[in-house]
Amino acid sequence: MDVTRLYFLIFGALTILGGVIGYVKAGSVPSIIAGAITGVLLLVAGALLPEHRAAGLAAAFIVSLLLAAQFVPKFIRTGKVMPAGLMSILSVIGIVVAVVAWLKK
């Protein structure tokens, strides 16, 4: 399996899991909704990669960028590793992975 595809499948699953944890721990409905939507989009992007590489990479890049825009400032502001720090790291890695994969095609 392509490493890029594997990364976005794992990232998507972790994003969904994070949304569920946010809901269970804090009762945050926005967490579960946002986590489910972005997680599913990342899973779809990963699933698209073998056959529709450009569409999959574009979707993964955009979702990673949106997540980074949400979590990096929050991490800088609060310094909390969970969830802001972890999601910041995963999102920035997602941006880098998508760009590198795009340049390699």
PDB file of N, CA and C in Angstrom:
ATOM      1  N   MET A   1       0.850  -1.184   0.000  1.00  0.00           N
ATOM      2  CA  MET A   1       0.000   0.000   0.000  1.00  0.00           C
ATOM      3  C   MET A   1       0.894   1.246   0.000  1.00  0.00           C
ATOM      4  N   ASP A   2       0.502   2.209  -0.760  1.00  0.00           N
ATOM      5  CA  ASP A   2       1.223   3.472  -0.846  1.00  0.00           C
ATOM      6  C   ASP A   2       1.255   4.147   0.527  1.00  0.00           C
ATOM      7  N   VAL A   3       2.413   4.668   0.919  1.00  0.00           N
ATOM      8  CA  VAL A   3       2.572   5.315   2.223  1.00  0.00           C
ATOM      9  C   VAL A   3       1.658   6.536   2.342  1.00  0.00           C
ATOM     10  N   THR A   4       1.498   7.278   1.267  1.00  0.00           N
ATOM     11  CA  THR A   4       0.627   8.458   1.280  1.00  0.00           C
ATOM     12  C   THR A   4      -0.808   8.042   1.587  1.00  0.00           C
ATOM     13  N   ARG A   5      -1.267   7.036   0.915  1.00  0.00           N
ATOM     14  CA  ARG A   5      -2.631   6.547   1.136  1.00  0.00           C
ATOM     15  C   ARG A   5      -2.798   6.070   2.577  1.00  0.00           C
ATOM     16  N   LEU A   6      -1.841   5.305   3.051  1.00  0.00           N
ATOM     17  CA  LEU A   6      -1.891   4.784   4.412  1.00  0.00           C
ATOM     18  C   LEU A   6      -1.937   5.926   5.432  1.00  0.00           C
ATOM     19  N   TYR A   7      -1.130   6.975   5.215  1.00  0.00           N
ATOM     20  CA  TYR A   7      -1.122   8.098   6.144  1.00  0.00           C
ATOM     21  C   TYR A   7      -2.505   8.742   6.240  1.00  0.00           C
ATOM     22  N   PHE A   8      -3.120   9.007   5.093  1.00  0.00           N
ATOM     23  CA  PHE A   8      -4.411   9.695   5.122  1.00  0.00           C
ATOM     24  C   PHE A   8      -5.534   8.806   5.659  1.00  0.00           C
ATOM     25  N   LEU A   9      -5.439   7.500   5.473  1.00  0.00           N
ATOM     26  CA  LEU A   9      -6.421   6.595   6.066  1.00  0.00           C
ATOM     27  C   LEU A   9      -6.293   6.593   7.596  1.00  0.00           C
ATOM     28  N   ILE A  10      -5.055   6.532   8.084  1.00  0.00           N
ATOM     29  CA  ILE A  10      -4.832   6.563   9.533  1.00  0.00           C
ATOM     30  C   ILE A  10      -5.214   7.926  10.105  1.00  0.00           C
ATOM     31  N   PHE A  11      -4.834   9.003   9.425  1.00  0.00           N
ATOM     32  CA  PHE A  11      -5.167  10.361   9.858  1.00  0.00           C
ATOM     33  C   PHE A  11      -6.685  10.535   9.932  1.00  0.00           C
ATOM     34  N   GLY A  12      -7.397  10.030   8.952  1.00  0.00           N
ATOM     35  CA  GLY A  12      -8.857  10.109   8.950  1.00  0.00           C
ATOM     36  C   GLY A  12      -9.465   9.358  10.120  1.00  0.00           C
ATOM     37  N   ALA A  13      -8.972   8.149  10.372  1.00  0.00           N
ATOM     38  CA  ALA A  13      -9.487   7.348  11.485  1.00  0.00           C
ATOM     39  C   ALA A  13      -9.203   8.031  12.826  1.00  0.00           C
ATOM     40  N   LEU A  14      -8.000   8.589  12.977  1.00  0.00           N
ATOM     41  CA  LEU A  14      -7.660   9.289  14.216  1.00  0.00           C
ATOM     42  C   LEU A  14      -8.501  10.549  14.404  1.00  0.00           C
ATOM     43  N   THR A  15      -8.820  11.213  13.311  1.00  0.00           N
ATOM     44  CA  THR A  15      -9.644  12.421  13.396  1.00  0.00           C
ATOM     45  C   THR A  15     -11.065  12.075  13.854  1.00  0.00           C
ATOM     46  N   ILE A  16     -11.611  11.007  13.311  1.00  0.00           N
ATOM     47  CA  ILE A  16     -12.941  10.558  13.752  1.00  0.00           C
ATOM     48  C   ILE A  16     -12.884  10.166  15.223  1.00  0.00           C
ATOM     49  N   LEU A  17     -11.871   9.401  15.597  1.00  0.00           N
ATOM     50  CA  LEU A  17     -11.716   8.978  16.985  1.00  0.00           C
ATOM     51  C   LEU A  17     -11.589  10.188  17.918  1.00  0.00           C
ATOM     52  N   GLY A  18     -10.835  11.194  17.488  1.00  0.00           N
ATOM     53  CA  GLY A  18     -10.690  12.413  18.289  1.00  0.00           C
ATOM     54  C   GLY A  18     -12.011  13.131  18.483  1.00  0.00           C
ATOM     55  N   GLY A  19     -12.836  13.166  17.458  1.00  0.00           N
ATOM     56  CA  GLY A  19     -14.148  13.778  17.573  1.00  0.00           C
ATOM     57  C   GLY A  19     -15.032  13.037  18.560  1.00  0.00           C
ATOM     58  N   VAL A  20     -14.960  11.721  18.512  1.00  0.00           N
ATOM     59  CA  VAL A  20     -15.738  10.900  19.447  1.00  0.00           C
ATOM     60  C   VAL A  20     -15.245  11.127  20.879  1.00  0.00           C
ATOM     61  N   ILE A  21     -13.933  11.160  21.063  1.00  0.00           N
ATOM     62  CA  ILE A  21     -13.372  11.394  22.403  1.00  0.00           C
ATOM     63  C   ILE A  21     -13.773  12.778  22.914  1.00  0.00           C
ATOM     64  N   GLY A  22     -13.726  13.782  22.048  1.00  0.00           N
ATOM     65  CA  GLY A  22     -14.146  15.126  22.441  1.00  0.00           C
ATOM     66  C   GLY A  22     -15.592  15.164  22.874  1.00  0.00           C
ATOM     67  N   TYR A  23     -16.422  14.394  22.202  1.00  0.00           N
ATOM     68  CA  TYR A  23     -17.840  14.330  22.574  1.00  0.00           C
ATOM     69  C   TYR A  23     -18.024  13.615  23.914  1.00  0.00           C
ATOM     70  N   VAL A  24     -17.345  12.486  24.076  1.00  0.00           N
ATOM     71  CA  VAL A  24     -17.503  11.691  25.297  1.00  0.00           C
ATOM     72  C   VAL A  24     -16.955  12.439  26.518  1.00  0.00           C
ATOM     73  N   LYS A  25     -15.769  13.044  26.378  1.00  0.00           N
ATOM     74  CA  LYS A  25     -15.140  13.700  27.526  1.00  0.00           C
ATOM     75  C   LYS A  25     -15.769  15.050  27.863  1.00  0.00           C
ATOM     76  N   ALA A  26     -16.122  15.822  26.841  1.00  0.00           N
ATOM     77  CA  ALA A  26     -16.577  17.194  27.096  1.00  0.00           C
ATOM     78  C   ALA A  26     -18.016  17.444  26.657  1.00  0.00           C
ATOM     79  N   GLY A  27     -18.652  16.435  26.067  1.00  0.00           N
ATOM     80  CA  GLY A  27     -20.010  16.626  25.573  1.00  0.00           C
ATOM     81  C   GLY A  27     -20.070  17.585  24.394  1.00  0.00           C
ATOM     82  N   SER A  28     -18.960  17.672  23.667  1.00  0.00           N
ATOM     83  CA  SER A  28     -18.845  18.633  22.574  1.00  0.00           C
ATOM     84  C   SER A  28     -19.442  18.086  21.276  1.00  0.00           C
ATOM     85  N   VAL A  29     -20.633  18.573  20.947  1.00  0.00           N
ATOM     86  CA  VAL A  29     -21.282  18.185  19.690  1.00  0.00           C
ATOM     87  C   VAL A  29     -20.471  18.687  18.492  1.00  0.00           C
ATOM     88  N   PRO A  30     -19.930  19.930  18.516  1.00  0.00           N
ATOM     89  CA  PRO A  30     -19.107  20.365  17.389  1.00  0.00           C
ATOM     90  C   PRO A  30     -17.895  19.455  17.148  1.00  0.00           C
ATOM     91  N   SER A  31     -17.314  18.917  18.217  1.00  0.00           N
ATOM     92  CA  SER A  31     -16.169  18.015  18.060  1.00  0.00           C
ATOM     93  C   SER A  31     -16.539  16.769  17.275  1.00  0.00           C
ATOM     94  N   ILE A  32     -17.656  16.157  17.617  1.00  0.00           N
ATOM     95  CA  ILE A  32     -18.028  14.920  16.931  1.00  0.00           C
ATOM     96  C   ILE A  32     -18.446  15.204  15.487  1.00  0.00           C
ATOM     97  N   ILE A  33     -19.117  16.330  15.258  1.00  0.00           N
ATOM     98  CA  ILE A  33     -19.532  16.671  13.897  1.00  0.00           C
ATOM     99  C   ILE A  33     -18.314  16.989  13.031  1.00  0.00           C
ATOM    100  N   ALA A  34     -17.453  17.876  13.528  1.00  0.00           N
ATOM    101  CA  ALA A  34     -16.262  18.263  12.762  1.00  0.00           C
ATOM    102  C   ALA A  34     -15.316  17.083  12.584  1.00  0.00           C
ATOM    103  N   GLY A  35     -15.139  16.289  13.648  1.00  0.00           N
ATOM    104  CA  GLY A  35     -14.265  15.120  13.556  1.00  0.00           C
ATOM    105  C   GLY A  35     -14.780  14.103  12.557  1.00  0.00           C
ATOM    106  N   ALA A  36     -16.093  13.892  12.563  1.00  0.00           N
ATOM    107  CA  ALA A  36     -16.683  12.931  11.625  1.00  0.00           C
ATOM    108  C   ALA A  36     -16.566  13.417  10.179  1.00  0.00           C
ATOM    109  N   ILE A  37     -16.878  14.682   9.956  1.00  0.00           N
ATOM    110  CA  ILE A  37     -16.839  15.206   8.588  1.00  0.00           C
ATOM    111  C   ILE A  37     -15.420  15.206   8.046  1.00  0.00           C
ATOM    112  N   THR A  38     -14.486  15.781   8.792  1.00  0.00           N
ATOM    113  CA  THR A  38     -13.107  15.851   8.289  1.00  0.00           C
ATOM    114  C   THR A  38     -12.471  14.460   8.226  1.00  0.00           C
ATOM    115  N   GLY A  39     -12.793  13.616   9.200  1.00  0.00           N
ATOM    116  CA  GLY A  39     -12.255  12.256   9.178  1.00  0.00           C
ATOM    117  C   GLY A  39     -12.737  11.466   7.976  1.00  0.00           C
ATOM    118  N   VAL A  40     -14.023  11.557   7.692  1.00  0.00           N
ATOM    119  CA  VAL A  40     -14.569  10.857   6.520  1.00  0.00           C
ATOM    120  C   VAL A  40     -13.965  11.418   5.234  1.00  0.00           C
ATOM    121  N   LEU A  41     -13.802  12.739   5.161  1.00  0.00           N
ATOM    122  CA  LEU A  41     -13.178  13.332   3.967  1.00  0.00           C
ATOM    123  C   LEU A  41     -11.746  12.833   3.784  1.00  0.00           C
ATOM    124  N   LEU A  42     -11.005  12.685   4.871  1.00  0.00           N
ATOM    125  CA  LEU A  42      -9.643  12.149   4.771  1.00  0.00           C
ATOM    126  C   LEU A  42      -9.656  10.677   4.360  1.00  0.00           C
ATOM    127  N   LEU A  43     -10.615   9.912   4.877  1.00  0.00           N
ATOM    128  CA  LEU A  43     -10.733   8.508   4.462  1.00  0.00           C
ATOM    129  C   LEU A  43     -11.076   8.407   2.978  1.00  0.00           C
ATOM    130  N   VAL A  44     -11.972   9.267   2.519  1.00  0.00           N
ATOM    131  CA  VAL A  44     -12.335   9.279   1.097  1.00  0.00           C
ATOM    132  C   VAL A  44     -11.117   9.676   0.258  1.00  0.00           C
ATOM    133  N   ALA A  45     -10.384  10.680   0.718  1.00  0.00           N
ATOM    134  CA  ALA A  45      -9.177  11.095  -0.010  1.00  0.00           C
ATOM    135  C   ALA A  45      -8.189   9.936  -0.109  1.00  0.00           C
ATOM    136  N   GLY A  46      -7.988   9.225   0.989  1.00  0.00           N
ATOM    137  CA  GLY A  46      -7.094   8.069   0.972  1.00  0.00           C
ATOM    138  C   GLY A  46      -7.591   6.975   0.043  1.00  0.00           C
ATOM    139  N   ALA A  47      -8.897   6.760   0.034  1.00  0.00           N
ATOM    140  CA  ALA A  47      -9.478   5.736  -0.842  1.00  0.00           C
ATOM    141  C   ALA A  47      -9.366   6.125  -2.312  1.00  0.00           C
ATOM    142  N   LEU A  48      -9.412   7.412  -2.596  1.00  0.00           N
ATOM    143  CA  LEU A  48      -9.318   7.889  -3.981  1.00  0.00           C
ATOM    144  C   LEU A  48      -7.904   7.785  -4.552  1.00  0.00           C
ATOM    145  N   LEU A  49      -6.900   7.798  -3.691  1.00  0.00           N
ATOM    146  CA  LEU A  49      -5.523   7.913  -4.157  1.00  0.00           C
ATOM    147  C   LEU A  49      -5.074   6.906  -5.218  1.00  0.00           C
ATOM    148  N   PRO A  50      -5.380   5.640  -5.117  1.00  0.00           N
ATOM    149  CA  PRO A  50      -4.853   4.738  -6.151  1.00  0.00           C
ATOM    150  C   PRO A  50      -5.375   5.035  -7.562  1.00  0.00           C
ATOM    151  N   GLU A  51      -6.654   5.324  -7.687  1.00  0.00           N
ATOM    152  CA  GLU A  51      -7.263   5.507  -9.006  1.00  0.00           C
ATOM    153  C   GLU A  51      -7.353   6.968  -9.446  1.00  0.00           C
ATOM    154  N   HIS A  52      -7.573   7.853  -8.502  1.00  0.00           N
ATOM    155  CA  HIS A  52      -7.767   9.280  -8.797  1.00  0.00           C
ATOM    156  C   HIS A  52      -6.807  10.090  -7.937  1.00  0.00           C
ATOM    157  N   ARG A  53      -5.532   9.960  -8.249  1.00  0.00           N
ATOM    158  CA  ARG A  53      -4.473  10.541  -7.416  1.00  0.00           C
ATOM    159  C   ARG A  53      -4.620  12.050  -7.226  1.00  0.00           C
ATOM    160  N   ALA A  54      -4.872  12.774  -8.291  1.00  0.00           N
ATOM    161  CA  ALA A  54      -4.962  14.238  -8.199  1.00  0.00           C
ATOM    162  C   ALA A  54      -6.121  14.660  -7.291  1.00  0.00           C
ATOM    163  N   ALA A  55      -7.268  14.042  -7.451  1.00  0.00           N
ATOM    164  CA  ALA A  55      -8.436  14.383  -6.626  1.00  0.00           C
ATOM    165  C   ALA A  55      -8.193  14.006  -5.164  1.00  0.00           C
ATOM    166  N   GLY A  56      -7.623  12.847  -4.933  1.00  0.00           N
ATOM    167  CA  GLY A  56      -7.336  12.407  -3.567  1.00  0.00           C
ATOM    168  C   GLY A  56      -6.341  13.311  -2.873  1.00  0.00           C
ATOM    169  N   LEU A  57      -5.269  13.677  -3.589  1.00  0.00           N
ATOM    170  CA  LEU A  57      -4.263  14.565  -2.999  1.00  0.00           C
ATOM    171  C   LEU A  57      -4.823  15.960  -2.757  1.00  0.00           C
ATOM    172  N   ALA A  58      -5.633  16.453  -3.676  1.00  0.00           N
ATOM    173  CA  ALA A  58      -6.235  17.779  -3.501  1.00  0.00           C
ATOM    174  C   ALA A  58      -7.156  17.785  -2.281  1.00  0.00           C
ATOM    175  N   ALA A  59      -7.984  16.774  -2.156  1.00  0.00           N
ATOM    176  CA  ALA A  59      -8.895  16.696  -1.011  1.00  0.00           C
ATOM    177  C   ALA A  59      -8.119  16.575   0.292  1.00  0.00           C
ATOM    178  N   ALA A  60      -7.111  15.716   0.322  1.00  0.00           N
ATOM    179  CA  ALA A  60      -6.308  15.524   1.532  1.00  0.00           C
ATOM    180  C   ALA A  60      -5.579  16.811   1.902  1.00  0.00           C
ATOM    181  N   PHE A  61      -5.050  17.507   0.908  1.00  0.00           N
ATOM    182  CA  PHE A  61      -4.338  18.768   1.151  1.00  0.00           C
ATOM    183  C   PHE A  61      -5.283  19.815   1.738  1.00  0.00           C
ATOM    184  N   ILE A  62      -6.452  19.961   1.143  1.00  0.00           N
ATOM    185  CA  ILE A  62      -7.410  20.983   1.602  1.00  0.00           C
ATOM    186  C   ILE A  62      -7.890  20.683   3.019  1.00  0.00           C
ATOM    187  N   VAL A  63      -8.234  19.442   3.298  1.00  0.00           N
ATOM    188  CA  VAL A  63      -8.704  19.084   4.644  1.00  0.00           C
ATOM    189  C   VAL A  63      -7.568  19.275   5.660  1.00  0.00           C
ATOM    190  N   SER A  64      -6.359  18.864   5.309  1.00  0.00           N
ATOM    191  CA  SER A  64      -5.215  19.049   6.212  1.00  0.00           C
ATOM    192  C   SER A  64      -4.969  20.532   6.468  1.00  0.00           C
ATOM    193  N   LEU A  65      -5.078  21.335   5.427  1.00  0.00           N
ATOM    194  CA  LEU A  65      -4.885  22.783   5.560  1.00  0.00           C
ATOM    195  C   LEU A  65      -5.943  23.395   6.480  1.00  0.00           C
ATOM    196  N   LEU A  66      -7.194  22.989   6.308  1.00  0.00           N
ATOM    197  CA  LEU A  66      -8.270  23.494   7.165  1.00  0.00           C
ATOM    198  C   LEU A  66      -8.068  23.069   8.625  1.00  0.00           C
ATOM    199  N   LEU A  67      -7.663  21.836   8.825  1.00  0.00           N
ATOM    200  CA  LEU A  67      -7.412  21.377  10.192  1.00  0.00           C
ATOM    201  C   LEU A  67      -6.225  22.108  10.814  1.00  0.00           C
ATOM    202  N   ALA A  68      -5.176  22.337  10.024  1.00  0.00           N
ATOM    203  CA  ALA A  68      -4.026  23.089  10.530  1.00  0.00           C
ATOM    204  C   ALA A  68      -4.430  24.517  10.884  1.00  0.00           C
ATOM    205  N   ALA A  69      -5.272  25.126  10.058  1.00  0.00           N
ATOM    206  CA  ALA A  69      -5.739  26.492  10.333  1.00  0.00           C
ATOM    207  C   ALA A  69      -6.539  26.553  11.624  1.00  0.00           C
ATOM    208  N   GLN A  70      -7.203  25.495  11.966  1.00  0.00           N
ATOM    209  CA  GLN A  70      -7.979  25.431  13.209  1.00  0.00           C
ATOM    210  C   GLN A  70      -7.094  25.141  14.419  1.00  0.00           C
ATOM    211  N   PHE A  71      -6.208  24.152  14.300  1.00  0.00           N
ATOM    212  CA  PHE A  71      -5.512  23.645  15.476  1.00  0.00           C
ATOM    213  C   PHE A  71      -4.155  24.278  15.767  1.00  0.00           C
ATOM    214  N   VAL A  72      -3.406  24.717  14.754  1.00  0.00           N
ATOM    215  CA  VAL A  72      -2.098  25.319  15.025  1.00  0.00           C
ATOM    216  C   VAL A  72      -2.238  26.584  15.869  1.00  0.00           C
ATOM    217  N   PRO A  73      -3.115  27.535  15.498  1.00  0.00           N
ATOM    218  CA  PRO A  73      -3.268  28.713  16.365  1.00  0.00           C
ATOM    219  C   PRO A  73      -3.747  28.353  17.778  1.00  0.00           C
ATOM    220  N   LYS A  74      -4.632  27.361  17.867  1.00  0.00           N
ATOM    221  CA  LYS A  74      -5.131  26.939  19.182  1.00  0.00           C
ATOM    222  C   LYS A  74      -3.995  26.356  20.017  1.00  0.00           C
ATOM    223  N   PHE A  75      -3.122  25.570  19.383  1.00  0.00           N
ATOM    224  CA  PHE A  75      -1.986  24.987  20.089  1.00  0.00           C
ATOM    225  C   PHE A  75      -1.016  26.075  20.541  1.00  0.00           C
ATOM    226  N   ILE A  76      -0.757  27.037  19.678  1.00  0.00           N
ATOM    227  CA  ILE A  76       0.140  28.146  20.043  1.00  0.00           C
ATOM    228  C   ILE A  76      -0.452  28.944  21.206  1.00  0.00           C
ATOM    229  N   ARG A  77      -1.745  29.167  21.161  1.00  0.00           N
ATOM    230  CA  ARG A  77      -2.426  29.951  22.195  1.00  0.00           C
ATOM    231  C   ARG A  77      -2.492  29.211  23.533  1.00  0.00           C
ATOM    232  N   THR A  78      -2.836  27.917  23.511  1.00  0.00           N
ATOM    233  CA  THR A  78      -3.075  27.181  24.764  1.00  0.00           C
ATOM    234  C   THR A  78      -1.886  26.335  25.213  1.00  0.00           C
ATOM    235  N   GLY A  79      -1.078  25.861  24.260  1.00  0.00           N
ATOM    236  CA  GLY A  79       0.035  24.977  24.598  1.00  0.00           C
ATOM    237  C   GLY A  79      -0.403  23.570  24.974  1.00  0.00           C
ATOM    238  N   LYS A  80      -1.684  23.271  24.810  1.00  0.00           N
ATOM    239  CA  LYS A  80      -2.193  21.941  25.174  1.00  0.00           C
ATOM    240  C   LYS A  80      -1.871  20.928  24.079  1.00  0.00           C
ATOM    241  N   VAL A  81      -1.280  19.826  24.504  1.00  0.00           N
ATOM    242  CA  VAL A  81      -0.895  18.784  23.548  1.00  0.00           C
ATOM    243  C   VAL A  81      -2.122  18.061  23.012  1.00  0.00           C
ATOM    244  N   MET A  82      -3.110  17.838  23.871  1.00  0.00           N
ATOM    245  CA  MET A  82      -4.324  17.137  23.445  1.00  0.00           C
ATOM    246  C   MET A  82      -5.509  18.075  23.489  1.00  0.00           C
ATOM    247  N   PRO A  83      -6.230  18.224  22.451  1.00  0.00           N
ATOM    248  CA  PRO A  83      -6.053  17.656  21.118  1.00  0.00           C
ATOM    249  C   PRO A  83      -5.274  18.570  20.172  1.00  0.00           C
ATOM    250  N   ALA A  84      -5.091  19.851  20.569  1.00  0.00           N
ATOM    251  CA  ALA A  84      -4.542  20.834  19.633  1.00  0.00           C
ATOM    252  C   ALA A  84      -3.143  20.488  19.137  1.00  0.00           C
ATOM    253  N   GLY A  85      -2.264  20.058  20.022  1.00  0.00           N
ATOM    254  CA  GLY A  85      -0.894  19.744  19.623  1.00  0.00           C
ATOM    255  C   GLY A  85      -0.830  18.566  18.665  1.00  0.00           C
ATOM    256  N   LEU A  86      -1.524  17.497  19.014  1.00  0.00           N
ATOM    257  CA  LEU A  86      -1.526  16.303  18.168  1.00  0.00           C
ATOM    258  C   LEU A  86      -2.129  16.594  16.797  1.00  0.00           C
ATOM    259  N   MET A  87      -3.263  17.283  16.787  1.00  0.00           N
ATOM    260  CA  MET A  87      -3.909  17.586  15.506  1.00  0.00           C
ATOM    261  C   MET A  87      -3.073  18.574  14.687  1.00  0.00           C
ATOM    262  N   SER A  88      -2.364  19.481  15.347  1.00  0.00           N
ATOM    263  CA  SER A  88      -1.475  20.397  14.632  1.00  0.00           C
ATOM    264  C   SER A  88      -0.387  19.618  13.913  1.00  0.00           C
ATOM    265  N   ILE A  89       0.231  18.697  14.630  1.00  0.00           N
ATOM    266  CA  ILE A  89       1.305  17.895  14.046  1.00  0.00           C
ATOM    267  C   ILE A  89       0.781  17.034  12.899  1.00  0.00           C
ATOM    268  N   LEU A  90      -0.315  16.342  13.127  1.00  0.00           N
ATOM    269  CA  LEU A  90      -0.885  15.481  12.079  1.00  0.00           C
ATOM    270  C   LEU A  90      -1.297  16.290  10.849  1.00  0.00           C
ATOM    271  N   SER A  91      -1.847  17.476  11.069  1.00  0.00           N
ATOM    272  CA  SER A  91      -2.293  18.321   9.957  1.00  0.00           C
ATOM    273  C   SER A  91      -1.114  18.841   9.134  1.00  0.00           C
ATOM    274  N   VAL A  92      -0.085  19.313   9.819  1.00  0.00           N
ATOM    275  CA  VAL A  92       1.094  19.822   9.111  1.00  0.00           C
ATOM    276  C   VAL A  92       1.771  18.684   8.353  1.00  0.00           C
ATOM    277  N   ILE A  93       1.872  17.515   8.965  1.00  0.00           N
ATOM    278  CA  ILE A  93       2.426  16.352   8.256  1.00  0.00           C
ATOM    279  C   ILE A  93       1.563  16.033   7.041  1.00  0.00           C
ATOM    280  N   GLY A  94       0.232  16.114   7.188  1.00  0.00           N
ATOM    281  CA  GLY A  94      -0.667  15.867   6.064  1.00  0.00           C
ATOM    282  C   GLY A  94      -0.420  16.828   4.913  1.00  0.00           C
ATOM    283  N   ILE A  95      -0.199  18.092   5.220  1.00  0.00           N
ATOM    284  CA  ILE A  95       0.103  19.085   4.174  1.00  0.00           C
ATOM    285  C   ILE A  95       1.398  18.705   3.463  1.00  0.00           C
ATOM    286  N   VAL A  96       2.426  18.392   4.240  1.00  0.00           N
ATOM    287  CA  VAL A  96       3.732  18.039   3.663  1.00  0.00           C
ATOM    288  C   VAL A  96       3.632  16.768   2.821  1.00  0.00           C
ATOM    289  N   VAL A  97       2.954  15.756   3.340  1.00  0.00           N
ATOM    290  CA  VAL A  97       2.806  14.485   2.614  1.00  0.00           C
ATOM    291  C   VAL A  97       2.085  14.718   1.284  1.00  0.00           C
ATOM    292  N   ALA A  98       1.006  15.508   1.307  1.00  0.00           N
ATOM    293  CA  ALA A  98       0.256  15.770   0.069  1.00  0.00           C
ATOM    294  C   ALA A  98       1.105  16.518  -0.945  1.00  0.00           C
ATOM    295  N   VAL A  99       1.852  17.524  -0.500  1.00  0.00           N
ATOM    296  CA  VAL A  99       2.688  18.306  -1.421  1.00  0.00           C
ATOM    297  C   VAL A  99       3.810  17.433  -1.997  1.00  0.00           C
ATOM    298  N   VAL A 100       4.462  16.664  -1.140  1.00  0.00           N
ATOM    299  CA  VAL A 100       5.549  15.791  -1.620  1.00  0.00           C
ATOM    300  C   VAL A 100       5.011  14.756  -2.612  1.00  0.00           C
ATOM    301  N   ALA A 101       3.867  14.158  -2.314  1.00  0.00           N
ATOM    302  CA  ALA A 101       3.272  13.172  -3.218  1.00  0.00           C
ATOM    303  C   ALA A 101       2.888  13.824  -4.540  1.00  0.00           C
ATOM    304  N   TRP A 102       2.370  15.054  -4.475  1.00  0.00           N
ATOM    305  CA  TRP A 102       2.001  15.769  -5.695  1.00  0.00           C
ATOM    306  C   TRP A 102       3.225  16.048  -6.565  1.00  0.00           C
ATOM    307  N   LEU A 103       4.325  16.445  -5.930  1.00  0.00           N
ATOM    308  CA  LEU A 103       5.548  16.758  -6.670  1.00  0.00           C
ATOM    309  C   LEU A 103       6.205  15.504  -7.246  1.00  0.00           C
ATOM    310  N   LYS A 104       5.993  14.357  -6.624  1.00  0.00           N
ATOM    311  CA  LYS A 104       6.577  13.098  -7.092  1.00  0.00           C
ATOM    312  C   LYS A 104       5.854  12.495  -8.278  1.00  0.00           C
ATOM    313  N   LYS A 105       4.625  12.925  -8.514  1.00  0.00           N
ATOM    314  CA  LYS A 105       3.844  12.274  -9.576  1.00  0.00           C
ATOM    315  C   LYS A 105       4.474  12.530 -10.896  1.00  0.00           C
TER     316      LYS A 105
END
